[in-house]
Amino acid sequence: MNAIEFPAPDPAIMARRAEIVAALADRVGEQGLITDPRELVPFETDAFTAYRRVPLAVVLPESTAEVSAVLKYCSGNRVPVVPRGAGTSLAGGAIPQEDAVVIGVSRMNRILEVDHDNRTATVQAGVTNLAISERVAADGFFYAPDPSSQLACTIAGNIAMNSGGAHCLKYGVTTNNLLGATVVLADGTVVELGGKALDAPGLDLLGVLCGSEGQLGIVTEATVRLLARPEGARPVLFGFASSDEAGRCVSDIIGAGIIPVAIEFMDKPAIEICEAFAQAGYPLDVEALLIIEVEGSEAEMDAMLKRIIAIARRHGVASIKESQSATEAAQIWKGRKSAFGATGRIADYICMDGTVPLGQLSHVLRETYRIVDGYGLRVANVFHAGDGNMHPLILYNVNDPAEAEKAEAAGADILKLCVDAGGCLTGEHGVGMEKRDLMGHQYAEVDLDQQMAVRAAFDPGWILNPAKVFPLDLPARKAG
């Protein structure tokens, strides 16, 4: 697969590899440096596995000071740097170049402080989402963003891509739960953005940083919001005879002013894949499934479900199944959160990440099936329906170049469809390499120029995560 272009490695940097490695070892020690070609292989790609390049070296610092020292050296010597969390990016956000140094945060994995008075946790950037929730669970708190990879994905990667998850409908995505960050800029300067307060004075640079895909700086520590656990939570399965009716049901629920904690969608292929893996009790005789979770007291959950069920019945709901225990609820969510891994058991796939207005869900679903069918491929749809964040999984054979090319073409057509329907190219996976060359479909060149001007203000040398987000042939990028 050669559809996505990689810049040619800089011969001068490649020729200086031994010198660069020695300089990095001086800054992080031998234990924080990987240079053996065999040991570099795990860092050649991320979860967007169709593309890969082995980096020049990998640095695994333990502190902000070490990150600062490495960036100061790389900036002064114009060595490209690729920040990396856990490598769970589905858009190629952490795929390196051959002349790049990867800075991974896996050794920066300490929870530094839990502040119950301010309901915050301050953590190093390599801490996982789930680790925060597990640390504060006994005190009745949790950290809300819960992408499917929350067991593995790090706070650093979540901030880079502004990740969300199934429960973002009620609790928001990373930017809504991030209060402060320690950031190392490209030249090694360390800055503190935000803090424990709900709103910091001055320009909202934290908002600029969140979702910037590692191109403005490297986050080494973060202060995040902790929330009180609800009194109760109840996921309910709603089966429908068609994806159209399920999509319209979602629009009507939100249109009625009802905000469940989550609304997740699965079509029949996704239902069958997830049920075979998780044995979650999903109905197999329906064409579409909504997992709708409500929370609060028993009375609150009953009242909200009564309204939701009434709307579902207007759309011909074929089956309704409420979870009856914590174990059953956990199985329902295991099936949903295992969707990507379960799909990988039966086929290679590309996972798309377009977002559309809720009123366009049914239309975009119909067109998605038409597009993928037109390429002679299959698709399984599983996504966050409550906020219109679609995740079509386009199934193909990675060892068949023709099928791989068709899968990428189908994915591009779906993303363009999302934009044309009034949505955008990404909801939580980021642009990375995958959507880089589609940015012109959503933004005019003047818009991209302004975005790149912001990027250049933070990183004038364009060393941070190069070849991502912005098309390579833009004049402003070439000037950078």
Protein backbone atom coordinates (compact mmCIF):
# COMPACT_ATOMS: atom_id res chain seq x y z
CA MET A 1 0.00 0.00 0.00
CA ASN A 2 1.65 3.24 -1.14
CA ALA A 3 -1.26 5.67 -1.20
CA ILE A 4 0.06 7.71 1.73
CA GLU A 5 3.34 9.44 1.01
CA PHE A 6 6.28 9.42 3.41
CA PRO A 7 8.89 12.18 3.06
CA ALA A 8 12.31 10.83 2.10
CA PRO A 9 14.67 10.60 5.08
CA ASP A 10 17.24 13.37 5.36
CA PRO A 11 20.59 11.85 4.24
CA ALA A 12 22.51 14.21 6.52
CA ILE A 13 20.61 12.99 9.57
CA MET A 14 20.98 9.34 8.58
CA ALA A 15 24.73 9.84 8.15
CA ARG A 16 24.96 11.29 11.67
CA ARG A 17 23.05 8.45 13.32
CA ALA A 18 25.92 7.37 15.60
CA GLU A 19 26.49 10.95 16.74
CA ILE A 20 22.77 11.47 17.43
CA VAL A 21 22.48 8.21 19.37
CA ALA A 22 25.48 9.13 21.52
CA ALA A 23 23.97 12.54 22.28
CA LEU A 24 20.65 10.98 23.27
CA ALA A 25 22.40 8.46 25.53
CA ASP A 26 24.10 11.36 27.32
CA ARG A 27 20.67 12.82 28.08
CA VAL A 28 18.64 9.76 29.13
CA GLY A 29 21.22 7.05 29.77
CA GLU A 30 21.52 3.70 28.02
CA GLN A 31 18.47 2.35 29.88
CA GLY A 32 16.27 5.01 28.32
CA LEU A 33 17.41 4.47 24.73
CA ILE A 34 16.54 1.84 22.11
CA THR A 35 18.73 1.55 19.01
CA ASP A 36 18.91 -2.18 18.21
CA PRO A 37 17.12 -2.68 14.86
CA ARG A 38 15.14 -5.66 16.22
CA GLU A 39 14.00 -3.72 19.28
CA LEU A 40 12.95 -0.75 17.14
CA VAL A 41 10.45 -2.85 15.17
CA PRO A 42 7.59 -2.53 17.71
CA PHE A 43 7.77 1.25 17.22
CA GLU A 44 7.54 1.19 13.42
CA THR A 45 3.76 1.61 13.41
CA ASP A 46 0.73 2.14 15.63
CA ALA A 47 -2.80 0.70 15.39
CA PHE A 48 -2.95 1.99 11.78
CA THR A 49 -0.85 -0.99 10.80
CA ALA A 50 -1.09 -0.66 7.02
CA TYR A 51 1.93 1.67 7.09
CA ARG A 52 5.23 1.42 8.92
CA ARG A 53 8.73 2.86 9.08
CA VAL A 54 11.52 1.93 11.51
CA PRO A 55 12.68 5.07 13.36
CA LEU A 56 16.25 6.24 13.84
CA ALA A 57 16.03 5.65 17.61
CA VAL A 58 13.53 5.50 20.47
CA VAL A 59 13.92 7.49 23.67
CA LEU A 60 11.99 6.50 26.81
CA PRO A 61 12.48 9.33 29.31
CA GLU A 62 11.41 9.20 32.95
CA SER A 63 10.97 12.91 33.64
CA THR A 64 10.05 16.27 32.20
CA ALA A 65 13.69 17.29 32.49
CA GLU A 66 14.82 14.39 30.28
CA VAL A 67 12.16 15.20 27.67
CA SER A 68 13.33 18.81 27.72
CA ALA A 69 16.97 17.83 27.23
CA VAL A 70 16.14 15.54 24.29
CA LEU A 71 13.95 18.14 22.58
CA LYS A 72 16.55 20.87 23.06
CA TYR A 73 19.12 18.69 21.33
CA CYS A 74 16.80 17.55 18.52
CA SER A 75 15.56 21.07 17.85
CA GLY A 76 19.09 22.47 17.74
CA ASN A 77 20.11 19.76 15.28
CA ARG A 78 16.85 19.70 13.28
CA VAL A 79 16.17 16.05 14.04
CA PRO A 80 12.46 15.14 13.61
CA VAL A 81 10.67 13.92 16.74
CA VAL A 82 7.58 11.71 16.94
CA PRO A 83 5.79 11.70 20.31
CA ARG A 84 4.27 8.34 21.25
CA GLY A 85 1.89 7.21 23.96
CA ALA A 86 0.77 3.57 23.85
CA GLY A 87 0.65 3.39 20.05
CA THR A 88 -3.12 2.84 19.94
CA SER A 89 -3.67 5.57 17.33
CA LEU A 90 -5.95 4.39 14.53
CA ALA A 91 -4.98 7.26 12.23
CA GLY A 92 -1.21 6.77 12.04
CA GLY A 93 -0.55 9.57 14.52
CA ALA A 94 2.51 7.83 15.99
CA ILE A 95 4.03 6.29 12.85
CA PRO A 96 7.62 7.57 12.60
CA GLN A 97 9.89 8.52 9.74
CA GLU A 98 13.20 6.77 9.22
CA ASP A 99 15.15 9.88 10.23
CA ALA A 100 13.02 10.56 13.33
CA VAL A 101 13.55 10.00 17.03
CA VAL A 102 10.52 8.58 18.81
CA ILE A 103 9.93 9.94 22.32
CA GLY A 104 7.73 7.48 24.20
CA VAL A 105 6.11 8.17 27.57
CA SER A 106 5.67 4.58 28.78
CA ARG A 107 8.15 4.99 31.67
CA MET A 108 6.41 8.16 32.86
CA ASN A 109 3.59 6.23 34.48
CA ARG A 110 3.11 7.57 38.01
CA ILE A 111 -0.02 9.07 39.51
CA LEU A 112 1.52 12.07 41.26
CA GLU A 113 -1.40 13.36 43.31
CA VAL A 114 -5.08 12.75 43.98
CA ASP A 115 -6.71 15.92 45.34
CA HIS A 116 -10.18 15.12 46.66
CA ASP A 117 -10.81 18.69 47.79
CA ASN A 118 -10.46 19.96 44.23
CA ARG A 119 -11.60 16.69 42.64
CA THR A 120 -8.48 16.42 40.49
CA ALA A 121 -5.71 13.96 39.76
CA THR A 122 -2.26 14.96 38.55
CA VAL A 123 -0.52 12.23 36.59
CA GLN A 124 2.46 11.63 34.37
CA ALA A 125 1.63 11.37 30.69
CA GLY A 126 2.18 7.62 30.45
CA VAL A 127 -0.61 6.78 32.91
CA THR A 128 -3.61 5.03 31.36
CA ASN A 129 -7.19 6.26 31.59
CA LEU A 130 -8.30 3.13 33.40
CA ALA A 131 -5.49 3.40 35.95
CA ILE A 132 -6.84 6.76 37.11
CA SER A 133 -10.36 5.41 37.58
CA GLU A 134 -9.05 2.33 39.40
CA ARG A 135 -6.96 4.50 41.74
CA VAL A 136 -9.95 6.61 42.87
CA ALA A 137 -12.75 4.02 42.63
CA ALA A 138 -12.71 3.19 46.33
CA ASP A 139 -13.34 6.86 47.09
CA GLY A 140 -16.38 6.99 44.81
CA PHE A 141 -14.78 8.85 41.89
CA PHE A 142 -13.80 8.11 38.29
CA TYR A 143 -12.14 9.68 35.25
CA ALA A 144 -14.79 10.00 32.55
CA PRO A 145 -13.15 9.66 29.08
CA ASP A 146 -13.33 5.95 28.23
CA PRO A 147 -12.19 5.10 24.70
CA SER A 148 -12.32 1.41 23.86
CA SER A 149 -8.55 1.26 24.36
CA GLN A 150 -8.74 2.78 27.86
CA LEU A 151 -6.95 -0.25 29.33
CA ALA A 152 -3.87 0.62 27.26
CA CYS A 153 -4.11 4.17 25.90
CA THR A 154 -2.22 6.88 27.77
CA ILE A 155 -3.20 10.36 28.89
CA ALA A 156 -0.57 11.75 26.49
CA GLY A 157 -2.24 10.15 23.48
CA ASN A 158 -5.70 11.11 24.70
CA ILE A 159 -4.68 14.75 24.92
CA ALA A 160 -2.99 14.61 21.52
CA MET A 161 -6.14 13.31 19.79
CA ASN A 162 -8.79 14.75 22.16
CA SER A 163 -10.14 11.24 22.66
CA GLY A 164 -13.68 10.50 23.79
CA GLY A 165 -15.39 7.18 24.33
CA ALA A 166 -18.81 5.70 24.84
CA HIS A 167 -19.76 7.98 27.74
CA CYS A 168 -18.71 11.27 26.12
CA LEU A 169 -22.37 12.01 25.33
CA LYS A 170 -22.90 13.07 28.95
CA TYR A 171 -19.39 13.68 30.27
CA GLY A 172 -17.61 15.13 27.27
CA VAL A 173 -14.30 14.26 25.66
CA THR A 174 -10.74 14.82 26.89
CA THR A 175 -10.81 18.61 26.51
CA ASN A 176 -13.83 18.78 28.83
CA ASN A 177 -11.98 16.81 31.52
CA LEU A 178 -8.49 18.31 31.21
CA LEU A 179 -7.62 21.15 33.60
CA GLY A 180 -3.86 21.55 33.29
CA ALA A 181 -0.73 20.24 31.61
CA THR A 182 3.03 20.41 31.82
CA VAL A 183 4.27 20.72 28.25
CA VAL A 184 7.74 20.67 26.74
CA LEU A 185 7.93 22.82 23.62
CA ALA A 186 10.00 21.94 20.57
CA ASP A 187 13.04 23.90 21.78
CA GLY A 188 12.99 22.23 25.20
CA THR A 189 11.20 25.04 27.03
CA VAL A 190 8.91 23.76 29.80
CA VAL A 191 5.57 25.54 30.22
CA GLU A 192 2.62 25.06 32.59
CA LEU A 193 -0.85 25.46 31.11
CA GLY A 194 -3.99 25.69 33.24
CA GLY A 195 -4.02 24.10 36.69
CA LYS A 196 -6.55 22.84 39.21
CA ALA A 197 -9.01 25.69 38.71
CA LEU A 198 -12.04 25.08 36.50
CA ASP A 199 -11.02 27.97 34.27
CA ALA A 200 -7.56 29.50 33.95
CA PRO A 201 -6.96 33.18 33.09
CA GLY A 202 -5.51 34.32 29.79
CA LEU A 203 -5.58 32.70 26.37
CA ASP A 204 -6.95 29.17 26.27
CA LEU A 205 -3.68 27.57 25.22
CA LEU A 206 -4.74 24.33 26.89
CA GLY A 207 -7.65 24.18 24.44
CA VAL A 208 -5.24 24.74 21.56
CA LEU A 209 -2.96 21.98 22.82
CA CYS A 210 -5.70 19.36 23.28
CA GLY A 211 -6.22 17.71 19.91
CA SER A 212 -3.06 19.16 18.34
CA GLU A 213 -1.68 15.65 17.66
CA GLY A 214 1.76 16.16 19.21
CA GLN A 215 2.67 19.04 16.88
CA LEU A 216 2.77 21.86 19.45
CA GLY A 217 4.67 20.17 22.27
CA ILE A 218 5.00 16.99 24.32
CA VAL A 219 2.78 16.64 27.39
CA THR A 220 4.66 15.16 30.34
CA GLU A 221 2.12 15.71 33.14
CA ALA A 222 -1.60 16.44 33.23
CA THR A 223 -4.18 17.50 35.79
CA VAL A 224 -7.57 15.96 35.06
CA ARG A 225 -11.05 16.30 36.50
CA LEU A 226 -12.44 13.57 38.76
CA LEU A 227 -16.19 12.99 38.89
CA ALA A 228 -18.36 11.36 41.52
CA ARG A 229 -19.64 7.95 40.57
CA PRO A 230 -23.39 7.89 39.88
CA GLU A 231 -25.74 6.14 42.28
CA GLY A 232 -26.53 3.52 39.65
CA ALA A 233 -26.21 2.78 35.93
CA ARG A 234 -28.27 0.56 33.66
CA PRO A 235 -27.45 -0.31 30.01
CA VAL A 236 -30.42 -1.43 27.89
CA LEU A 237 -30.36 -3.22 24.51
CA PHE A 238 -32.78 -1.97 21.84
CA GLY A 239 -33.03 -4.10 18.69
CA PHE A 240 -34.41 -2.66 15.43
CA ALA A 241 -35.50 -4.11 12.12
CA SER A 242 -33.38 -1.57 10.20
CA SER A 243 -30.44 0.76 10.69
CA ASP A 244 -32.61 3.60 9.40
CA GLU A 245 -35.07 3.24 12.26
CA ALA A 246 -32.26 2.97 14.82
CA GLY A 247 -30.68 6.14 13.46
CA ARG A 248 -33.96 8.05 13.55
CA CYS A 249 -34.59 6.84 17.09
CA VAL A 250 -31.26 8.33 18.21
CA SER A 251 -32.13 11.69 16.62
CA ASP A 252 -35.52 11.75 18.33
CA ILE A 253 -34.10 10.86 21.75
CA ILE A 254 -31.62 13.73 21.65
CA GLY A 255 -34.21 16.01 20.03
CA ALA A 256 -36.54 15.37 22.96
CA GLY A 257 -33.91 16.78 25.33
CA ILE A 258 -33.03 13.39 26.81
CA ILE A 259 -29.32 12.90 27.49
CA PRO A 260 -28.47 9.31 28.47
CA VAL A 261 -24.94 8.65 29.59
CA ALA A 262 -24.30 6.70 26.35
CA ILE A 263 -25.96 5.69 23.08
CA GLU A 264 -23.96 3.15 21.07
CA PHE A 265 -24.91 1.72 17.66
CA MET A 266 -24.14 -1.66 16.08
CA ASP A 267 -25.38 -3.00 12.76
CA LYS A 268 -25.97 -6.71 12.13
CA PRO A 269 -22.40 -7.61 11.10
CA ALA A 270 -21.04 -5.86 14.20
CA ILE A 271 -23.64 -7.51 16.45
CA GLU A 272 -22.69 -10.96 15.21
CA ILE A 273 -18.94 -10.29 15.53
CA CYS A 274 -19.19 -8.91 19.08
CA GLU A 275 -21.64 -11.52 20.32
CA ALA A 276 -19.46 -14.37 19.06
CA PHE A 277 -16.56 -12.90 21.01
CA ALA A 278 -18.16 -11.66 24.25
CA GLN A 279 -21.35 -13.71 24.62
CA ALA A 280 -22.99 -10.51 25.85
CA GLY A 281 -26.57 -11.51 25.12
CA TYR A 282 -27.00 -9.31 22.05
CA PRO A 283 -30.08 -10.16 19.92
CA LEU A 284 -29.08 -11.87 16.68
CA ASP A 285 -32.43 -11.52 14.91
CA VAL A 286 -32.27 -7.75 14.40
CA GLU A 287 -30.56 -5.54 11.83
CA ALA A 288 -29.39 -2.85 14.26
CA LEU A 289 -28.78 -2.52 17.98
CA LEU A 290 -28.63 0.48 20.29
CA ILE A 291 -26.96 0.21 23.68
CA ILE A 292 -28.48 3.02 25.71
CA GLU A 293 -27.22 3.52 29.25
CA VAL A 294 -28.98 5.67 31.84
CA GLU A 295 -27.74 6.49 35.31
CA GLY A 296 -28.84 8.00 38.61
CA SER A 297 -31.22 6.76 41.28
CA GLU A 298 -33.61 3.91 40.49
CA ALA A 299 -36.45 6.43 40.12
CA GLU A 300 -34.41 8.63 37.78
CA MET A 301 -33.37 5.69 35.62
CA ASP A 302 -36.93 4.36 35.45
CA ALA A 303 -38.30 7.77 34.44
CA MET A 304 -35.71 8.31 31.72
CA LEU A 305 -36.09 4.78 30.35
CA LYS A 306 -39.85 5.20 30.18
CA ARG A 307 -39.42 8.19 27.86
CA ILE A 308 -36.73 6.44 25.77
CA ILE A 309 -38.82 3.28 25.38
CA ALA A 310 -41.79 5.34 24.21
CA ILE A 311 -39.65 6.92 21.48
CA ALA A 312 -38.18 3.53 20.52
CA ARG A 313 -41.66 2.05 20.14
CA ARG A 314 -42.56 4.83 17.69
CA HIS A 315 -39.68 3.53 15.58
CA GLY A 316 -40.83 -0.08 15.68
CA VAL A 317 -38.29 -1.39 18.17
CA ALA A 318 -38.19 -5.18 17.83
CA SER A 319 -36.69 -6.08 21.21
CA ILE A 320 -35.83 -4.42 24.51
CA LYS A 321 -33.57 -6.05 27.09
CA GLU A 322 -32.54 -4.35 30.35
CA SER A 323 -29.45 -5.53 32.20
CA GLN A 324 -30.42 -7.23 35.46
CA SER A 325 -27.10 -7.22 37.28
CA ALA A 326 -23.69 -5.61 37.41
CA THR A 327 -22.26 -8.73 35.76
CA GLU A 328 -24.71 -8.51 32.88
CA ALA A 329 -24.02 -4.80 32.46
CA ALA A 330 -20.28 -5.51 32.35
CA GLN A 331 -20.82 -8.13 29.63
CA ILE A 332 -22.84 -5.69 27.53
CA TRP A 333 -20.01 -3.17 27.66
CA LYS A 334 -17.36 -5.84 27.14
CA GLY A 335 -18.98 -6.69 23.83
CA ARG A 336 -19.04 -3.07 22.70
CA LYS A 337 -15.54 -2.18 23.86
CA SER A 338 -14.12 -5.34 22.30
CA ALA A 339 -15.61 -4.54 18.90
CA PHE A 340 -12.37 -3.56 17.17
CA GLY A 341 -10.39 -6.49 18.56
CA ALA A 342 -13.22 -8.92 17.86
CA THR A 343 -13.41 -7.72 14.25
CA GLY A 344 -9.67 -8.25 13.89
CA ARG A 345 -10.23 -11.96 14.62
CA ILE A 346 -12.17 -12.41 11.38
CA ALA A 347 -10.64 -9.91 8.94
CA ASP A 348 -8.24 -7.04 8.45
CA TYR A 349 -10.00 -3.70 8.61
CA ILE A 350 -9.64 0.04 8.39
CA CYS A 351 -11.54 1.91 11.11
CA MET A 352 -12.91 5.26 9.98
CA ASP A 353 -13.78 8.14 12.31
CA GLY A 354 -16.16 10.67 10.78
CA THR A 355 -18.69 12.73 12.71
CA VAL A 356 -22.08 13.83 11.39
CA PRO A 357 -25.11 15.77 12.67
CA LEU A 358 -27.57 13.40 14.31
CA GLY A 359 -30.24 14.25 11.77
CA GLN A 360 -27.96 12.87 9.06
CA LEU A 361 -27.21 9.51 10.72
CA SER A 362 -29.68 7.46 8.70
CA HIS A 363 -28.65 9.08 5.41
CA VAL A 364 -24.93 8.60 6.06
CA LEU A 365 -25.45 4.98 7.11
CA ARG A 366 -27.33 4.21 3.89
CA GLU A 367 -24.64 5.88 1.79
CA THR A 368 -21.87 4.10 3.71
CA TYR A 369 -23.33 0.71 2.79
CA ARG A 370 -23.70 1.85 -0.84
CA ILE A 371 -20.10 3.11 -1.01
CA VAL A 372 -18.51 -0.01 0.48
CA ASP A 373 -20.70 -2.33 -1.58
CA GLY A 374 -19.62 -0.43 -4.68
CA TYR A 375 -16.02 -1.41 -3.98
CA GLY A 376 -16.98 -5.05 -3.48
CA LEU A 377 -16.09 -4.99 0.21
CA ARG A 378 -17.92 -5.51 3.51
CA VAL A 379 -18.45 -3.12 6.40
CA ALA A 380 -19.39 -3.43 10.06
CA ASN A 381 -20.73 -0.28 11.72
CA VAL A 382 -20.21 0.30 15.43
CA PHE A 383 -20.05 3.82 16.80
CA HIS A 384 -20.98 6.50 19.33
CA ALA A 385 -24.44 7.35 18.02
CA GLY A 386 -25.23 9.92 20.71
CA ASP A 387 -22.72 12.44 19.34
CA GLY A 388 -22.75 11.24 15.72
CA ASN A 389 -19.20 9.86 15.85
CA MET A 390 -19.23 7.08 13.27
CA HIS A 391 -16.72 4.21 13.12
CA PRO A 392 -17.32 2.10 9.99
CA LEU A 393 -14.96 -0.89 9.95
CA ILE A 394 -14.13 -1.63 6.32
CA LEU A 395 -13.13 -5.29 6.02
CA TYR A 396 -10.46 -6.34 3.53
CA ASN A 397 -7.43 -8.58 3.02
CA VAL A 398 -4.26 -6.65 3.90
CA ASN A 399 -2.20 -9.07 1.80
CA ASP A 400 -4.17 -8.22 -1.33
CA PRO A 401 -2.88 -4.85 -2.68
CA ALA A 402 -5.97 -4.37 -4.82
CA GLU A 403 -8.31 -4.86 -1.86
CA ALA A 404 -6.17 -2.61 0.31
CA GLU A 405 -6.39 0.14 -2.28
CA LYS A 406 -10.17 -0.28 -2.49
CA ALA A 407 -10.52 -0.15 1.29
CA GLU A 408 -8.61 3.14 1.50
CA ALA A 409 -10.63 4.59 -1.37
CA ALA A 410 -13.89 3.55 0.27
CA GLY A 411 -12.75 5.09 3.55
CA ALA A 412 -11.91 8.38 1.83
CA ASP A 413 -15.34 8.45 0.17
CA ILE A 414 -17.04 7.86 3.54
CA LEU A 415 -15.12 10.68 5.19
CA LYS A 416 -15.99 13.05 2.36
CA LEU A 417 -19.61 11.98 2.80
CA CYS A 418 -19.44 12.92 6.48
CA VAL A 419 -18.11 16.39 5.65
CA ASP A 420 -20.67 16.90 2.89
CA ALA A 421 -23.43 15.95 5.35
CA GLY A 422 -22.36 18.82 7.61
CA GLY A 423 -19.94 16.86 9.78
CA CYS A 424 -16.16 16.57 9.97
CA LEU A 425 -13.27 14.24 9.20
CA THR A 426 -12.64 13.08 12.75
CA GLY A 427 -14.35 12.82 16.10
CA GLU A 428 -11.65 11.33 18.34
CA HIS A 429 -9.03 9.41 16.34
CA GLY A 430 -7.35 12.50 14.93
CA VAL A 431 -6.13 13.25 11.42
CA GLY A 432 -2.66 11.73 11.64
CA MET A 433 -1.46 10.36 8.31
CA GLU A 434 -4.71 8.64 7.44
CA LYS A 435 -6.80 11.78 6.80
CA ARG A 436 -3.99 14.23 6.07
CA ASP A 437 -4.67 14.47 2.36
CA LEU A 438 -8.42 14.91 2.93
CA MET A 439 -8.04 18.10 4.96
CA GLY A 440 -8.56 20.15 1.80
CA HIS A 441 -12.03 18.66 1.46
CA GLN A 442 -13.09 20.21 4.77
CA TYR A 443 -10.96 23.36 4.90
CA ALA A 444 -10.12 26.07 2.39
CA GLU A 445 -6.42 26.75 1.90
CA VAL A 446 -6.68 30.00 3.89
CA ASP A 447 -8.09 28.02 6.84
CA LEU A 448 -5.24 25.53 6.68
CA ASP A 449 -2.74 28.39 6.43
CA GLN A 450 -4.05 29.82 9.72
CA GLN A 451 -3.85 26.43 11.42
CA MET A 452 -0.29 25.98 10.21
CA ALA A 453 0.62 29.47 11.41
CA VAL A 454 -0.42 28.43 14.93
CA ARG A 455 1.62 25.26 14.61
CA ALA A 456 4.68 27.19 13.41
CA ALA A 457 4.41 29.61 16.35
CA PHE A 458 4.99 26.68 18.72
CA ASP A 459 7.46 24.78 16.51
CA PRO A 460 9.14 27.06 13.92
CA GLY A 461 11.40 24.26 12.71
CA TRP A 462 8.49 21.83 12.15
CA ILE A 463 10.35 18.99 13.89
CA LEU A 464 7.40 17.73 15.98
CA ASN A 465 5.41 14.89 14.41
CA PRO A 466 6.13 15.89 10.82
CA ALA A 467 4.17 14.56 7.84
CA LYS A 468 0.95 14.48 9.88
CA VAL A 469 -2.32 16.46 9.80
CA PHE A 470 -1.49 18.90 6.96
CA PRO A 471 -1.12 17.96 3.27
CA LEU A 472 2.54 17.87 2.27
CA ASP A 473 2.14 20.05 -0.81
CA LEU A 474 0.72 23.17 0.85
CA PRO A 475 2.89 26.28 0.22
CA ALA A 476 2.79 27.36 3.86
CA ARG A 477 4.03 23.94 4.91
CA LYS A 478 6.86 24.03 2.42
CA ALA A 479 7.89 27.40 3.82
CA GLY A 480 7.94 25.83 7.29
